[in-house]
Amino acid sequence: MRCPFCSHGEDKVVDSRSSKEGQAVRRRRECLRCGQRFTTYEYIENVALTIIKSDQRREPYDRQKLMQGIIAACKKRPVSMKKIESIVDKIENQIEKSGKMEVPSYDIGQFVMAELYALDEVAYVRFASVYRKFKDICEFISEVKDLESKAEPVVKGK
């Protein structure tokens, strides 16, 4: 494991514990060169999951790519990294429970949109605007109006 601070290749584990409901091992490490501490997570490597893109190309599932998409949607929103990781874990569990080795990117996008819809409306609209590839502003406005119609009315003074 390379130190994220100085890139040295040797460290020592100072703490290790089960994490993410037993799905991972969290390790605190200390670089033997610079002494900085950092955290790593170890996951069981499941059988390779393949994502079927909209143009029928296939590519390996990438947790970081999914996480980065959600992080981008939640940028400057009151959403913690812990919550984002929880969403990614939940989506991975849904995929795993399906038992499929190949999953359409459409399905993953739907999972993300459902989670963001419940979490943060602005993040939801941001993600939807990229995911659904709105062709013009009318489609975007329609999505926002649909979201408004489903929202509870805001009462001033509360």
Protein backbone atom coordinates (compact mmCIF):
# COMPACT_ATOMS: atom_id res chain seq x y z
CA MET A 1 0.00 0.00 0.00
CA ARG A 2 1.52 3.34 -1.03
CA CYS A 3 1.32 6.25 1.39
CA PRO A 4 -1.06 8.91 -0.01
CA PHE A 5 1.20 11.62 1.44
CA CYS A 6 4.73 10.62 0.39
CA SER A 7 4.14 7.56 -1.87
CA HIS A 8 6.39 5.34 0.25
CA GLY A 9 5.53 1.66 -0.17
CA GLU A 10 5.90 0.46 3.41
CA ASP A 11 3.53 1.00 6.31
CA LYS A 12 2.33 -0.68 9.45
CA VAL A 13 -1.23 -1.44 10.47
CA VAL A 14 -2.06 0.27 13.78
CA ASP A 15 -5.74 -0.72 14.00
CA SER A 16 -7.98 -3.18 12.18
CA ARG A 17 -11.70 -3.79 12.56
CA SER A 18 -14.77 -5.03 10.75
CA SER A 19 -16.69 -2.33 8.93
CA LYS A 20 -19.71 -1.74 6.70
CA GLU A 21 -21.82 -4.41 8.38
CA GLY A 22 -19.11 -7.05 8.03
CA GLN A 23 -18.64 -6.40 4.30
CA ALA A 24 -15.21 -4.78 4.71
CA VAL A 25 -12.19 -4.52 6.98
CA ARG A 26 -11.14 -1.01 7.99
CA ARG A 27 -7.44 -0.58 8.65
CA ARG A 28 -5.60 2.42 10.06
CA ARG A 29 -2.09 2.49 8.69
CA GLU A 30 1.00 4.51 9.49
CA CYS A 31 3.64 5.27 6.88
CA LEU A 32 7.08 4.06 7.95
CA ARG A 33 8.76 7.01 6.18
CA CYS A 34 6.70 10.12 6.99
CA GLY A 35 4.66 8.85 9.96
CA GLN A 36 1.33 10.05 8.52
CA ARG A 37 -1.71 7.89 9.22
CA PHE A 38 -4.34 6.91 6.65
CA THR A 39 -7.32 4.58 6.40
CA THR A 40 -7.87 1.77 3.93
CA TYR A 41 -10.80 -0.56 3.39
CA GLU A 42 -10.53 -4.12 2.20
CA TYR A 43 -13.48 -5.74 0.45
CA ILE A 44 -14.08 -9.28 -0.66
CA GLU A 45 -13.52 -9.35 -4.36
CA ASN A 46 -16.70 -10.71 -5.82
CA VAL A 47 -17.01 -12.39 -9.16
CA ALA A 48 -16.45 -9.74 -11.80
CA LEU A 49 -19.61 -7.77 -12.43
CA THR A 50 -20.07 -6.40 -15.92
CA ILE A 51 -21.99 -3.24 -16.73
CA ILE A 52 -23.89 -3.12 -20.01
CA LYS A 53 -23.75 0.44 -21.31
CA SER A 54 -26.57 2.04 -23.32
CA ASP A 55 -24.70 1.40 -26.59
CA GLN A 56 -24.36 -2.30 -25.58
CA ARG A 57 -20.64 -2.01 -24.78
CA ARG A 58 -19.60 -3.93 -21.70
CA GLU A 59 -17.17 -2.77 -19.06
CA PRO A 60 -16.20 -3.99 -15.60
CA TYR A 61 -18.08 -2.53 -12.65
CA ASP A 62 -16.09 0.22 -10.94
CA ARG A 63 -17.14 1.24 -7.42
CA GLN A 64 -15.11 4.44 -7.64
CA LYS A 65 -16.84 5.49 -10.85
CA LEU A 66 -20.24 5.06 -9.20
CA MET A 67 -19.07 6.94 -6.12
CA GLN A 68 -17.63 9.81 -8.20
CA GLY A 69 -20.93 10.23 -10.06
CA ILE A 70 -22.81 10.52 -6.78
CA ILE A 71 -20.19 12.85 -5.30
CA ALA A 72 -20.50 15.13 -8.34
CA ALA A 73 -24.28 15.27 -7.94
CA CYS A 74 -23.92 16.06 -4.23
CA LYS A 75 -21.21 18.71 -4.64
CA LYS A 76 -21.81 21.66 -2.28
CA ARG A 77 -24.85 19.91 -0.81
CA PRO A 78 -25.27 18.91 2.85
CA VAL A 79 -24.53 15.23 2.12
CA SER A 80 -21.73 13.52 4.01
CA MET A 81 -19.23 11.10 2.50
CA LYS A 82 -20.53 8.54 4.96
CA LYS A 83 -24.02 8.85 3.43
CA ILE A 84 -22.61 8.61 -0.11
CA GLU A 85 -20.69 5.46 0.81
CA SER A 86 -23.87 4.09 2.36
CA ILE A 87 -25.75 4.70 -0.91
CA VAL A 88 -23.03 2.92 -2.90
CA ASP A 89 -23.09 0.00 -0.45
CA LYS A 90 -26.88 -0.22 -0.73
CA ILE A 91 -26.74 -0.22 -4.54
CA GLU A 92 -24.04 -2.89 -4.54
CA ASN A 93 -26.17 -5.02 -2.20
CA GLN A 94 -29.17 -4.65 -4.54
CA ILE A 95 -27.04 -5.75 -7.50
CA GLU A 96 -25.55 -8.65 -5.54
CA LYS A 97 -28.99 -9.85 -4.44
CA SER A 98 -30.17 -9.88 -8.06
CA GLY A 99 -27.59 -12.61 -8.75
CA LYS A 100 -26.87 -11.19 -12.20
CA MET A 101 -23.34 -11.15 -13.60
CA GLU A 102 -24.25 -8.44 -16.11
CA VAL A 103 -26.27 -5.39 -15.13
CA PRO A 104 -27.49 -2.64 -17.46
CA SER A 105 -26.16 0.81 -16.57
CA TYR A 106 -29.81 1.91 -16.78
CA ASP A 107 -30.63 -0.19 -13.69
CA ILE A 108 -27.77 1.31 -11.71
CA GLY A 109 -28.85 4.80 -12.76
CA GLN A 110 -32.38 4.05 -11.55
CA PHE A 111 -31.04 2.85 -8.19
CA VAL A 112 -28.96 6.04 -7.83
CA MET A 113 -31.87 8.29 -8.79
CA ALA A 114 -34.17 6.60 -6.26
CA GLU A 115 -31.62 7.07 -3.48
CA LEU A 116 -30.87 10.70 -4.39
CA TYR A 117 -34.57 11.51 -4.75
CA ALA A 118 -35.09 10.48 -1.13
CA LEU A 119 -31.91 12.19 0.06
CA ASP A 120 -31.54 15.56 -1.68
CA GLU A 121 -33.68 17.04 -4.45
CA VAL A 122 -30.90 19.21 -5.89
CA ALA A 123 -28.51 16.25 -6.10
CA TYR A 124 -31.33 14.24 -7.71
CA VAL A 125 -31.93 16.88 -10.41
CA ARG A 126 -28.18 17.20 -11.07
CA PHE A 127 -27.79 13.46 -11.49
CA ALA A 128 -30.96 13.17 -13.58
CA SER A 129 -29.82 15.94 -15.92
CA VAL A 130 -26.69 13.98 -16.81
CA TYR A 131 -28.16 10.49 -16.58
CA ARG A 132 -31.27 11.19 -18.63
CA LYS A 133 -29.37 13.36 -21.12
CA PHE A 134 -32.04 16.04 -21.38
CA LYS A 135 -32.21 17.22 -24.98
CA ASP A 136 -33.34 20.74 -24.15
CA ILE A 137 -34.30 23.05 -21.31
CA CYS A 138 -37.98 22.08 -21.62
CA GLU A 139 -37.20 18.52 -20.53
CA PHE A 140 -35.16 19.86 -17.60
CA ILE A 141 -37.95 22.25 -16.53
CA SER A 142 -40.49 19.44 -16.84
CA GLU A 143 -38.43 17.28 -14.46
CA VAL A 144 -38.16 20.12 -11.92
CA LYS A 145 -41.92 20.82 -12.13
CA ASP A 146 -42.63 17.12 -11.63
CA LEU A 147 -40.38 17.18 -8.56
CA GLU A 148 -42.16 20.30 -7.26
CA SER A 149 -45.58 18.71 -7.68
CA LYS A 150 -44.50 15.75 -5.55
CA ALA A 151 -42.89 17.90 -2.83
CA GLU A 152 -44.74 18.80 0.33
CA PRO A 153 -45.78 22.45 0.46
CA VAL A 154 -43.46 24.69 2.46
CA VAL A 155 -45.20 26.62 5.23
CA LYS A 156 -43.55 29.94 6.07
CA GLY A 157 -42.48 30.41 9.65
CA LYS A 158 -41.67 26.75 10.28
